[in-house]
Amino acid sequence: MDSIFQHFRKEEQPFIEKVNSWVKDVEDTYAPKLTEFMDPRQRFITESIVRNSDLGLTADGGFHDAERQRVLIYPDYYTPTKEDFQISIYNVNYPKKFVTMKHSQLLGSLLSVGIERSRFGDIQLTDEAVQFAVAEEVSEYIHVHFTQVGKVKVSVEPVQNTEDFIDVKNEWTEELHIVSSLRLDVVIAALTNSSRAKASSLIKAEKVKVNWAMIDQQAFEVEEYDVLSIRGYGRFRIMSIEGRTKKDKIRVMIGALV
C-alpha cells in the first residue's frame, strides 16, 4: 500500500484506499463494480491502480467526451455495455424567452435538493437547451424534487435518444510552459503571465480551484490531469509533465479551455 501512496498526494490516500477496496471486491466476487461520477484526476488515479491488476476498466459519462464519468471495473471475462453505466440524461424545461440559464445556477440547484456531486455528471448548455447527466439510482428523485433553479420554475424530462443529447465540444489549446517547480503559485504565475506575488494573492483570495476544490496553499503541488480554475482567467488542465530542461526547469504541457 505504501508503494502506491508515494505516487500520489497525502490528501488522496482515502480515495486510493477506496479504489483498492473496489479492486479487491471485483477480484473476490468476480463481478463488475460501477463507481459514481469521477473527475479526470480521480479517473487517472483509478486507472493507475487498476492497471496493476488483471482487471479491466472503462468509463462513460453519458455525453460524448464527458468530463465527469462513471468508471466500470470488471474481470477479464466481462464485456461492458452502455447500459452497465446506468446514466440518465435529463432535459430541463424552462421559459427560454425570458431566462438565461447558467452552469453555476443549475449546479447549485441540483446540490440544494440533496444530491451529492458524485451522483451527477456534466451539465451541458446551449442557447436552446440545457441537459445534465445523473446516476439512474437517483433519477426518479431528481424527477420529483428538482423543480426550481433560483427563482425560476423548471421541470425535467428524460432524453431517450442519444441523437438528441447536447454535444458541446470542449476545445483545449495546448501550450508548453517552463517552470521552476510545480508549486501552485509558480504555475498560476505562468498561466496568468504575472508575478508569484500576484499569483499568491489570487490563491489567498480563494480565486483558485484545483479539481473543483478551493486551494489556499501556495506550496500545493499540481500533478498530471489536475484541472485548475482561476477566476477571471479561465480553466486549465495539466496535460503532461514532460521532464526537465538542461537548467533543471520543468517542462509542463498545459491546456487552456477555449
C-alpha atoms as a PDB file:
ATOM      1  CA  MET A   1       0.000   0.000   0.000  1.00  0.00           C
ATOM      2  CA  ASP A   2       2.814   2.416   0.883  1.00  0.00           C
ATOM      3  CA  SER A   3       4.294   1.952  -2.595  1.00  0.00           C
ATOM      4  CA  ILE A   4       1.005   3.174  -4.087  1.00  0.00           C
ATOM      5  CA  PHE A   5       0.636   6.131  -1.721  1.00  0.00           C
ATOM      6  CA  GLN A   6       4.074   7.511  -2.556  1.00  0.00           C
ATOM      7  CA  HIS A   7       2.958   8.285  -6.114  1.00  0.00           C
ATOM      8  CA  PHE A   8       0.023  10.466  -5.053  1.00  0.00           C
ATOM      9  CA  ARG A   9      -0.829  13.277  -2.661  1.00  0.00           C
ATOM     10  CA  LYS A  10      -1.335  12.631   1.026  1.00  0.00           C
ATOM     11  CA  GLU A  11      -4.887  14.013   0.882  1.00  0.00           C
ATOM     12  CA  GLU A  12      -5.688  11.492  -1.883  1.00  0.00           C
ATOM     13  CA  GLN A  13      -4.967   8.490   0.356  1.00  0.00           C
ATOM     14  CA  PRO A  14      -8.613   7.933   1.413  1.00  0.00           C
ATOM     15  CA  PHE A  15      -9.652   7.816  -2.244  1.00  0.00           C
ATOM     16  CA  ILE A  16      -6.787   5.435  -3.055  1.00  0.00           C
ATOM     17  CA  GLU A  17      -7.923   3.129  -0.249  1.00  0.00           C
ATOM     18  CA  LYS A  18     -11.446   3.217  -1.697  1.00  0.00           C
ATOM     19  CA  VAL A  19     -10.171   2.264  -5.161  1.00  0.00           C
ATOM     20  CA  ASN A  20      -8.112  -0.565  -3.678  1.00  0.00           C
ATOM     21  CA  SER A  21     -11.217  -1.879  -1.919  1.00  0.00           C
ATOM     22  CA  TRP A  22     -13.097  -1.816  -5.249  1.00  0.00           C
ATOM     23  CA  VAL A  23     -10.309  -3.780  -6.926  1.00  0.00           C
ATOM     24  CA  LYS A  24     -10.305  -6.356  -4.120  1.00  0.00           C
ATOM     25  CA  ASP A  25     -14.105  -6.705  -4.294  1.00  0.00           C
ATOM     26  CA  VAL A  26     -14.024  -7.336  -8.034  1.00  0.00           C
ATOM     27  CA  GLU A  27     -11.197  -9.846  -7.642  1.00  0.00           C
ATOM     28  CA  ASP A  28     -13.005 -11.644  -4.796  1.00  0.00           C
ATOM     29  CA  THR A  29     -16.519 -11.675  -6.272  1.00  0.00           C
ATOM     30  CA  TYR A  30     -15.508 -11.881  -9.931  1.00  0.00           C
ATOM     31  CA  ALA A  31     -18.284  -9.362 -10.654  1.00  0.00           C
ATOM     32  CA  PRO A  32     -18.016  -5.827 -12.116  1.00  0.00           C
ATOM     33  CA  LYS A  33     -18.042  -2.698  -9.939  1.00  0.00           C
ATOM     34  CA  LEU A  34     -19.633   0.579 -11.087  1.00  0.00           C
ATOM     35  CA  THR A  35     -18.421   3.783  -9.425  1.00  0.00           C
ATOM     36  CA  GLU A  36     -20.105   7.145  -9.055  1.00  0.00           C
ATOM     37  CA  PHE A  37     -19.123  10.042 -11.351  1.00  0.00           C
ATOM     38  CA  MET A  38     -15.435  10.950 -11.196  1.00  0.00           C
ATOM     39  CA  ASP A  39     -13.450  13.973 -12.286  1.00  0.00           C
ATOM     40  CA  PRO A  40     -10.404  13.453 -14.575  1.00  0.00           C
ATOM     41  CA  ARG A  41      -7.920  13.340 -11.686  1.00  0.00           C
ATOM     42  CA  GLN A  42      -9.900  10.658  -9.853  1.00  0.00           C
ATOM     43  CA  ARG A  43     -10.124   8.608 -13.041  1.00  0.00           C
ATOM     44  CA  PHE A  44      -6.372   8.944 -13.528  1.00  0.00           C
ATOM     45  CA  ILE A  45      -5.748   7.574 -10.022  1.00  0.00           C
ATOM     46  CA  THR A  46      -8.255   4.761 -10.538  1.00  0.00           C
ATOM     47  CA  GLU A  47      -6.738   3.801 -13.888  1.00  0.00           C
ATOM     48  CA  SER A  48      -3.232   3.825 -12.381  1.00  0.00           C
ATOM     49  CA  ILE A  49      -4.271   1.384  -9.643  1.00  0.00           C
ATOM     50  CA  VAL A  50      -6.409  -0.924 -11.790  1.00  0.00           C
ATOM     51  CA  ARG A  51      -3.612  -1.107 -14.364  1.00  0.00           C
ATOM     52  CA  ASN A  52      -1.534  -3.011 -11.771  1.00  0.00           C
ATOM     53  CA  SER A  53      -4.170  -5.744 -11.541  1.00  0.00           C
ATOM     54  CA  ASP A  54      -5.577  -8.250 -14.032  1.00  0.00           C
ATOM     55  CA  LEU A  55      -8.856  -6.335 -14.233  1.00  0.00           C
ATOM     56  CA  GLY A  56     -10.305  -4.204 -16.993  1.00  0.00           C
ATOM     57  CA  LEU A  57     -11.557  -0.636 -16.768  1.00  0.00           C
ATOM     58  CA  THR A  58     -13.683   1.607 -18.939  1.00  0.00           C
ATOM     59  CA  ALA A  59     -15.532   4.875 -18.346  1.00  0.00           C
ATOM     60  CA  ASP A  60     -18.588   6.699 -19.651  1.00  0.00           C
ATOM     61  CA  GLY A  61     -20.293   9.973 -18.799  1.00  0.00           C
ATOM     62  CA  GLY A  62     -23.395   9.773 -20.963  1.00  0.00           C
ATOM     63  CA  PHE A  63     -22.440  12.738 -23.119  1.00  0.00           C
ATOM     64  CA  HIS A  64     -19.756  12.445 -25.791  1.00  0.00           C
ATOM     65  CA  ASP A  65     -16.320  13.248 -24.310  1.00  0.00           C
ATOM     66  CA  ALA A  66     -17.862  13.968 -20.902  1.00  0.00           C
ATOM     67  CA  GLU A  67     -15.534  15.472 -18.320  1.00  0.00           C
ATOM     68  CA  ARG A  68     -17.168  13.676 -15.387  1.00  0.00           C
ATOM     69  CA  GLN A  69     -17.606   9.939 -15.962  1.00  0.00           C
ATOM     70  CA  ARG A  70     -18.597   6.763 -14.153  1.00  0.00           C
ATOM     71  CA  VAL A  71     -15.986   4.005 -14.165  1.00  0.00           C
ATOM     72  CA  LEU A  72     -16.654   0.287 -14.547  1.00  0.00           C
ATOM     73  CA  ILE A  73     -14.026  -2.080 -13.119  1.00  0.00           C
ATOM     74  CA  TYR A  74     -14.541  -5.636 -14.308  1.00  0.00           C
ATOM     75  CA  PRO A  75     -12.900  -9.100 -14.508  1.00  0.00           C
ATOM     76  CA  ASP A  76     -11.354 -10.280 -17.756  1.00  0.00           C
ATOM     77  CA  TYR A  77     -14.335 -12.411 -18.823  1.00  0.00           C
ATOM     78  CA  TYR A  78     -16.736  -9.442 -18.808  1.00  0.00           C
ATOM     79  CA  THR A  79     -17.705  -7.336 -21.832  1.00  0.00           C
ATOM     80  CA  PRO A  80     -19.083  -3.920 -20.790  1.00  0.00           C
ATOM     81  CA  THR A  81     -22.128  -2.391 -22.466  1.00  0.00           C
ATOM     82  CA  LYS A  82     -23.513   1.142 -22.488  1.00  0.00           C
ATOM     83  CA  GLU A  83     -26.323   0.053 -20.156  1.00  0.00           C
ATOM     84  CA  ASP A  84     -23.806  -1.007 -17.488  1.00  0.00           C
ATOM     85  CA  PHE A  85     -23.079   2.650 -16.672  1.00  0.00           C
ATOM     86  CA  GLN A  86     -26.667   3.372 -15.572  1.00  0.00           C
ATOM     87  CA  ILE A  87     -26.699   7.020 -16.637  1.00  0.00           C
ATOM     88  CA  SER A  88     -29.815   9.058 -17.383  1.00  0.00           C
ATOM     89  CA  ILE A  89     -29.737  12.277 -19.385  1.00  0.00           C
ATOM     90  CA  TYR A  90     -32.360  14.857 -18.459  1.00  0.00           C
ATOM     91  CA  ASN A  91     -33.571  17.875 -20.372  1.00  0.00           C
ATOM     92  CA  VAL A  92     -34.511  20.965 -18.348  1.00  0.00           C
ATOM     93  CA  ASN A  93     -37.686  22.761 -19.398  1.00  0.00           C
ATOM     94  CA  TYR A  94     -37.804  26.467 -18.506  1.00  0.00           C
ATOM     95  CA  PRO A  95     -39.061  29.746 -20.061  1.00  0.00           C
ATOM     96  CA  LYS A  96     -36.194  30.236 -22.531  1.00  0.00           C
ATOM     97  CA  LYS A  97     -37.569  33.523 -23.896  1.00  0.00           C
ATOM     98  CA  PHE A  98     -37.233  35.204 -20.521  1.00  0.00           C
ATOM     99  CA  VAL A  99     -34.425  33.365 -18.730  1.00  0.00           C
ATOM    100  CA  THR A 100     -30.761  32.661 -19.442  1.00  0.00           C
ATOM    101  CA  MET A 101     -29.634  29.589 -17.540  1.00  0.00           C
ATOM    102  CA  LYS A 102     -26.088  29.492 -16.130  1.00  0.00           C
ATOM    103  CA  HIS A 103     -23.993  26.449 -15.269  1.00  0.00           C
ATOM    104  CA  SER A 104     -23.385  27.655 -11.697  1.00  0.00           C
ATOM    105  CA  GLN A 105     -27.113  28.210 -11.103  1.00  0.00           C
ATOM    106  CA  LEU A 106     -28.025  24.743 -12.311  1.00  0.00           C
ATOM    107  CA  LEU A 107     -25.225  23.104 -10.309  1.00  0.00           C
ATOM    108  CA  GLY A 108     -26.226  24.927  -7.125  1.00  0.00           C
ATOM    109  CA  SER A 109     -29.882  23.997  -7.556  1.00  0.00           C
ATOM    110  CA  LEU A 110     -29.074  20.318  -8.112  1.00  0.00           C
ATOM    111  CA  LEU A 111     -26.971  20.267  -4.951  1.00  0.00           C
ATOM    112  CA  SER A 112     -29.691  22.085  -2.989  1.00  0.00           C
ATOM    113  CA  VAL A 113     -32.176  19.230  -3.435  1.00  0.00           C
ATOM    114  CA  GLY A 114     -29.821  16.924  -1.540  1.00  0.00           C
ATOM    115  CA  ILE A 115     -27.991  15.138  -4.351  1.00  0.00           C
ATOM    116  CA  GLU A 116     -24.245  14.667  -3.843  1.00  0.00           C
ATOM    117  CA  ARG A 117     -21.980  15.963  -6.613  1.00  0.00           C
ATOM    118  CA  SER A 118     -20.724  12.444  -7.290  1.00  0.00           C
ATOM    119  CA  ARG A 119     -24.251  11.416  -8.312  1.00  0.00           C
ATOM    120  CA  PHE A 120     -24.442  13.573 -11.410  1.00  0.00           C
ATOM    121  CA  GLY A 121     -22.103  14.264 -14.267  1.00  0.00           C
ATOM    122  CA  ASP A 122     -21.709  17.001 -16.842  1.00  0.00           C
ATOM    123  CA  ILE A 123     -24.103  19.880 -17.315  1.00  0.00           C
ATOM    124  CA  GLN A 124     -24.422  20.887 -20.971  1.00  0.00           C
ATOM    125  CA  LEU A 125     -25.866  24.234 -22.000  1.00  0.00           C
ATOM    126  CA  THR A 126     -26.628  25.892 -25.315  1.00  0.00           C
ATOM    127  CA  ASP A 127     -28.827  28.869 -26.191  1.00  0.00           C
ATOM    128  CA  GLU A 128     -31.626  26.458 -26.952  1.00  0.00           C
ATOM    129  CA  ALA A 129     -31.317  23.646 -24.418  1.00  0.00           C
ATOM    130  CA  VAL A 130     -29.998  22.564 -21.011  1.00  0.00           C
ATOM    131  CA  GLN A 131     -29.240  18.938 -20.157  1.00  0.00           C
ATOM    132  CA  PHE A 132     -27.426  17.092 -17.388  1.00  0.00           C
ATOM    133  CA  ALA A 133     -26.291  13.530 -16.683  1.00  0.00           C
ATOM    134  CA  VAL A 134     -27.342  11.774 -13.499  1.00  0.00           C
ATOM    135  CA  ALA A 135     -26.936   8.312 -11.990  1.00  0.00           C
ATOM    136  CA  GLU A 136     -30.035   6.202 -12.608  1.00  0.00           C
ATOM    137  CA  GLU A 137     -30.190   5.384  -8.887  1.00  0.00           C
ATOM    138  CA  VAL A 138     -31.311   8.942  -8.128  1.00  0.00           C
ATOM    139  CA  SER A 139     -33.013   9.854 -11.395  1.00  0.00           C
ATOM    140  CA  GLU A 140     -36.529   9.361 -10.012  1.00  0.00           C
ATOM    141  CA  TYR A 141     -35.691  11.548  -7.006  1.00  0.00           C
ATOM    142  CA  ILE A 142     -34.422  14.262  -9.361  1.00  0.00           C
ATOM    143  CA  HIS A 143     -37.556  13.963 -11.466  1.00  0.00           C
ATOM    144  CA  VAL A 144     -39.752  14.646  -8.417  1.00  0.00           C
ATOM    145  CA  HIS A 145     -37.700  17.152  -6.406  1.00  0.00           C
ATOM    146  CA  PHE A 146     -35.791  19.220  -8.958  1.00  0.00           C
ATOM    147  CA  THR A 147     -38.418  21.855  -9.720  1.00  0.00           C
ATOM    148  CA  GLN A 148     -36.637  25.197  -9.400  1.00  0.00           C
ATOM    149  CA  VAL A 149     -33.421  26.947 -10.462  1.00  0.00           C
ATOM    150  CA  GLY A 150     -33.047  30.141  -8.481  1.00  0.00           C
ATOM    151  CA  LYS A 151     -36.469  31.771  -8.682  1.00  0.00           C
ATOM    152  CA  VAL A 152     -37.360  30.046 -11.957  1.00  0.00           C
ATOM    153  CA  LYS A 153     -39.748  27.101 -12.014  1.00  0.00           C
ATOM    154  CA  VAL A 154     -38.421  24.200 -14.080  1.00  0.00           C
ATOM    155  CA  SER A 155     -39.347  20.654 -14.956  1.00  0.00           C
ATOM    156  CA  VAL A 156     -37.217  17.816 -16.257  1.00  0.00           C
ATOM    157  CA  GLU A 157     -37.795  15.012 -18.707  1.00  0.00           C
ATOM    158  CA  PRO A 158     -35.531  12.146 -19.754  1.00  0.00           C
ATOM    159  CA  VAL A 159     -33.858  12.329 -23.155  1.00  0.00           C
ATOM    160  CA  GLN A 160     -34.462   8.927 -24.696  1.00  0.00           C
ATOM    161  CA  ASN A 161     -32.472   9.131 -27.944  1.00  0.00           C
ATOM    162  CA  THR A 162     -28.718   9.606 -27.932  1.00  0.00           C
ATOM    163  CA  GLU A 163     -29.091  11.659 -31.133  1.00  0.00           C
ATOM    164  CA  ASP A 164     -30.843  14.305 -29.015  1.00  0.00           C
ATOM    165  CA  PHE A 165     -28.013  14.662 -26.499  1.00  0.00           C
ATOM    166  CA  ILE A 166     -26.345  18.068 -26.472  1.00  0.00           C
ATOM    167  CA  ASP A 167     -22.844  17.766 -27.892  1.00  0.00           C
ATOM    168  CA  VAL A 168     -20.870  20.759 -26.680  1.00  0.00           C
ATOM    169  CA  LYS A 169     -17.260  20.061 -27.545  1.00  0.00           C
ATOM    170  CA  ASN A 170     -14.699  21.455 -25.126  1.00  0.00           C
ATOM    171  CA  GLU A 171     -11.676  22.676 -27.050  1.00  0.00           C
ATOM    172  CA  TRP A 172      -8.314  22.951 -25.335  1.00  0.00           C
ATOM    173  CA  THR A 173      -5.368  24.871 -26.726  1.00  0.00           C
ATOM    174  CA  GLU A 174      -2.108  23.369 -25.517  1.00  0.00           C
ATOM    175  CA  GLU A 175       0.974  25.348 -24.620  1.00  0.00           C
ATOM    176  CA  LEU A 176       4.320  24.232 -23.214  1.00  0.00           C
ATOM    177  CA  HIS A 177       5.378  26.088 -20.068  1.00  0.00           C
ATOM    178  CA  ILE A 178       8.816  26.032 -18.487  1.00  0.00           C
ATOM    179  CA  VAL A 179       8.513  26.450 -14.709  1.00  0.00           C
ATOM    180  CA  SER A 180      10.923  26.290 -11.790  1.00  0.00           C
ATOM    181  CA  SER A 181       8.624  23.990  -9.796  1.00  0.00           C
ATOM    182  CA  LEU A 182       5.124  22.534  -9.744  1.00  0.00           C
ATOM    183  CA  ARG A 183       4.062  24.718  -6.828  1.00  0.00           C
ATOM    184  CA  LEU A 184       0.634  26.183  -7.359  1.00  0.00           C
ATOM    185  CA  ASP A 185       1.811  29.809  -7.117  1.00  0.00           C
ATOM    186  CA  VAL A 186       4.538  29.168  -9.707  1.00  0.00           C
ATOM    187  CA  VAL A 187       2.135  27.526 -12.164  1.00  0.00           C
ATOM    188  CA  ILE A 188      -0.536  30.205 -11.621  1.00  0.00           C
ATOM    189  CA  ALA A 189       2.052  32.912 -12.263  1.00  0.00           C
ATOM    190  CA  ALA A 190       2.972  31.243 -15.567  1.00  0.00           C
ATOM    191  CA  LEU A 191      -0.653  30.842 -16.640  1.00  0.00           C
ATOM    192  CA  THR A 192      -1.633  34.413 -15.782  1.00  0.00           C
ATOM    193  CA  ASN A 193       1.670  35.875 -17.024  1.00  0.00           C
ATOM    194  CA  SER A 194       2.137  37.623 -13.698  1.00  0.00           C
ATOM    195  CA  SER A 195       4.444  37.582 -10.683  1.00  0.00           C
ATOM    196  CA  ARG A 196       4.398  34.951  -7.951  1.00  0.00           C
ATOM    197  CA  ALA A 197       3.213  37.659  -5.574  1.00  0.00           C
ATOM    198  CA  LYS A 198       0.193  38.288  -7.789  1.00  0.00           C
ATOM    199  CA  ALA A 199      -0.407  34.540  -8.097  1.00  0.00           C
ATOM    200  CA  SER A 200      -0.217  34.177  -4.309  1.00  0.00           C
ATOM    201  CA  SER A 201      -2.779  36.942  -3.858  1.00  0.00           C
ATOM    202  CA  LEU A 202      -5.168  35.100  -6.199  1.00  0.00           C
ATOM    203  CA  ILE A 203      -4.731  31.920  -4.157  1.00  0.00           C
ATOM    204  CA  LYS A 204      -5.180  33.702  -0.815  1.00  0.00           C
ATOM    205  CA  ALA A 205      -8.300  35.439  -2.152  1.00  0.00           C
ATOM    206  CA  GLU A 206      -9.811  31.983  -2.846  1.00  0.00           C
ATOM    207  CA  LYS A 207      -9.907  32.578  -6.586  1.00  0.00           C
ATOM    208  CA  VAL A 208      -8.149  29.318  -7.460  1.00  0.00           C
ATOM    209  CA  LYS A 209      -9.594  25.811  -7.531  1.00  0.00           C
ATOM    210  CA  VAL A 210      -7.792  22.545  -8.247  1.00  0.00           C
ATOM    211  CA  ASN A 211     -10.046  19.671  -9.251  1.00  0.00           C
ATOM    212  CA  TRP A 212     -13.098  21.702  -8.252  1.00  0.00           C
ATOM    213  CA  ALA A 213     -11.833  22.262  -4.693  1.00  0.00           C
ATOM    214  CA  MET A 214     -10.700  25.625  -3.331  1.00  0.00           C
ATOM    215  CA  ILE A 215      -6.960  25.595  -2.615  1.00  0.00           C
ATOM    216  CA  ASP A 216      -5.430  28.322  -0.431  1.00  0.00           C
ATOM    217  CA  GLN A 217      -1.879  26.922  -0.147  1.00  0.00           C
ATOM    218  CA  GLN A 218       0.741  28.487  -2.405  1.00  0.00           C
ATOM    219  CA  ALA A 219       3.027  25.467  -1.910  1.00  0.00           C
ATOM    220  CA  PHE A 220       0.399  22.971  -3.099  1.00  0.00           C
ATOM    221  CA  GLU A 221       1.930  20.965  -5.982  1.00  0.00           C
ATOM    222  CA  VAL A 222      -0.006  20.277  -9.171  1.00  0.00           C
ATOM    223  CA  GLU A 223       0.150  16.937 -10.948  1.00  0.00           C
ATOM    224  CA  GLU A 224      -0.860  15.410 -14.263  1.00  0.00           C
ATOM    225  CA  TYR A 225      -4.570  15.654 -15.127  1.00  0.00           C
ATOM    226  CA  ASP A 226      -5.252  18.281 -12.481  1.00  0.00           C
ATOM    227  CA  VAL A 227      -7.860  20.815 -13.583  1.00  0.00           C
ATOM    228  CA  LEU A 228      -7.193  24.384 -12.462  1.00  0.00           C
ATOM    229  CA  SER A 229      -9.837  27.111 -12.398  1.00  0.00           C
ATOM    230  CA  ILE A 230      -8.633  30.686 -11.965  1.00  0.00           C
ATOM    231  CA  ARG A 231     -11.381  33.251 -11.521  1.00  0.00           C
ATOM    232  CA  GLY A 232     -11.066  35.871 -14.231  1.00  0.00           C
ATOM    233  CA  TYR A 233      -8.628  33.799 -16.278  1.00  0.00           C
ATOM    234  CA  GLY A 234     -10.421  30.557 -17.139  1.00  0.00           C
ATOM    235  CA  ARG A 235      -9.898  26.834 -16.771  1.00  0.00           C
ATOM    236  CA  PHE A 236      -6.707  24.888 -17.406  1.00  0.00           C
ATOM    237  CA  ARG A 237      -5.610  21.261 -17.369  1.00  0.00           C
ATOM    238  CA  ILE A 238      -2.186  19.775 -16.712  1.00  0.00           C
ATOM    239  CA  MET A 239      -1.937  17.616 -19.821  1.00  0.00           C
ATOM    240  CA  SER A 240       1.512  16.149 -19.170  1.00  0.00           C
ATOM    241  CA  ILE A 241       4.727  16.728 -17.266  1.00  0.00           C
ATOM    242  CA  GLU A 242       7.485  16.256 -19.811  1.00  0.00           C
ATOM    243  CA  GLY A 243      10.689  16.153 -17.818  1.00  0.00           C
ATOM    244  CA  ARG A 244      13.348  18.746 -17.142  1.00  0.00           C
ATOM    245  CA  THR A 245      15.462  21.110 -19.183  1.00  0.00           C
ATOM    246  CA  LYS A 246      19.258  21.305 -19.053  1.00  0.00           C
ATOM    247  CA  LYS A 247      18.848  24.081 -16.480  1.00  0.00           C
ATOM    248  CA  ASP A 248      16.682  21.776 -14.339  1.00  0.00           C
ATOM    249  CA  LYS A 249      13.456  23.602 -15.107  1.00  0.00           C
ATOM    250  CA  ILE A 250      10.271  21.556 -15.516  1.00  0.00           C
ATOM    251  CA  ARG A 251       8.520  21.258 -18.884  1.00  0.00           C
ATOM    252  CA  VAL A 252       4.736  21.189 -18.449  1.00  0.00           C
ATOM    253  CA  MET A 253       2.159  20.913 -21.224  1.00  0.00           C
ATOM    254  CA  ILE A 254      -0.957  22.806 -20.126  1.00  0.00           C
ATOM    255  CA  GLY A 255      -4.266  23.009 -21.915  1.00  0.00           C
ATOM    256  CA  ALA A 256      -6.471  26.118 -21.742  1.00  0.00           C
ATOM    257  CA  LEU A 257     -10.207  25.747 -22.265  1.00  0.00           C
ATOM    258  CA  VAL A 258     -11.218  27.855 -25.247  1.00  0.00           C
END
